[in-house]
Amino acid sequence: MKKRSYTVLYEADPQGGFVASVPALPGCYSQGDTLEEAEKHITEAIELYLETLQDDHKAAPEEHLWQGRVEVAV
């Protein structure tokens, strides 16, 4: 079985907890009360997303994402 790695973005939810998303997998989101829980849930969501693609005989997307940080004066 081939292993894949995807970038996950975590955002604090104003109502509490964290929302996780995977930019390379449109519509792949999850959440959790803690970062650890959100990571567990998004891992499960990614696995299910990729299983569904495989069941539909579609290729798993390759990630084409670069990230950086820019500092600006305000």
Protein backbone atom coordinates (compact mmCIF):
# COMPACT_ATOMS: atom_id res chain seq x y z
CA MET A 1 0.00 0.00 0.00
CA LYS A 2 1.37 3.39 -1.01
CA LYS A 3 1.60 6.05 1.70
CA ARG A 4 0.55 9.61 0.96
CA SER A 5 1.11 12.81 2.85
CA TYR A 6 -1.17 15.83 2.71
CA THR A 7 -0.98 19.29 4.20
CA VAL A 8 -3.66 19.89 6.83
CA LEU A 9 -4.69 23.38 7.90
CA TYR A 10 -6.04 23.87 11.42
CA GLU A 11 -8.10 26.88 12.42
CA ALA A 12 -9.42 27.77 15.86
CA ASP A 13 -13.21 27.83 15.79
CA PRO A 14 -14.60 30.99 17.45
CA GLN A 15 -17.15 28.79 19.25
CA GLY A 16 -14.41 26.48 20.55
CA GLY A 17 -12.37 23.62 19.22
CA PHE A 18 -10.58 23.38 15.89
CA VAL A 19 -11.54 22.89 12.25
CA ALA A 20 -9.19 20.93 10.00
CA SER A 21 -9.12 21.04 6.20
CA VAL A 22 -7.05 19.46 3.44
CA PRO A 23 -6.56 21.89 0.51
CA ALA A 24 -5.57 19.11 -1.92
CA LEU A 25 -8.79 17.18 -1.21
CA PRO A 26 -11.77 19.45 -1.93
CA GLY A 27 -14.49 19.10 0.68
CA CYS A 28 -12.30 17.15 3.11
CA TYR A 29 -12.93 18.77 6.50
CA SER A 30 -13.23 17.66 10.09
CA GLN A 31 -13.14 19.11 13.58
CA GLY A 32 -12.30 18.37 17.17
CA ASP A 33 -12.39 19.88 20.62
CA THR A 34 -8.56 19.76 20.77
CA LEU A 35 -5.84 19.81 18.11
CA GLU A 36 -5.12 16.15 18.86
CA GLU A 37 -8.77 15.22 18.35
CA ALA A 38 -8.99 17.30 15.17
CA GLU A 39 -5.87 15.54 13.83
CA LYS A 40 -7.35 12.12 14.59
CA HIS A 41 -10.62 13.03 12.89
CA ILE A 42 -9.02 14.57 9.78
CA THR A 43 -6.80 11.48 9.41
CA GLU A 44 -9.94 9.35 9.36
CA ALA A 45 -11.60 11.75 6.90
CA ILE A 46 -8.59 11.59 4.56
CA GLU A 47 -8.59 7.78 4.68
CA LEU A 48 -12.30 7.67 3.83
CA TYR A 49 -11.88 10.26 1.07
CA LEU A 50 -9.10 8.22 -0.55
CA GLU A 51 -11.04 4.94 -0.14
CA THR A 52 -14.00 6.52 -1.94
CA LEU A 53 -11.77 7.64 -4.80
CA GLN A 54 -10.32 4.14 -5.04
CA ASP A 55 -13.82 2.58 -5.05
CA ASP A 56 -14.75 4.95 -7.91
CA HIS A 57 -11.53 4.00 -9.78
CA LYS A 58 -10.19 7.55 -9.53
CA ALA A 59 -6.60 8.50 -8.78
CA ALA A 60 -5.71 10.12 -5.48
CA PRO A 61 -4.71 13.76 -6.02
CA GLU A 62 -1.09 14.75 -5.78
CA GLU A 63 -0.48 17.75 -3.60
CA HIS A 64 0.71 20.90 -5.33
CA LEU A 65 0.87 23.24 -2.38
CA TRP A 66 3.67 25.42 -1.13
CA GLN A 67 3.44 27.41 2.00
CA GLY A 68 5.41 30.23 3.46
CA ARG A 69 5.17 33.09 5.84
CA VAL A 70 5.47 36.75 4.95
CA GLU A 71 6.21 39.47 7.47
CA VAL A 72 4.74 42.94 6.88
CA ALA A 73 4.98 46.18 8.76
CA VAL A 74 1.71 47.60 10.07
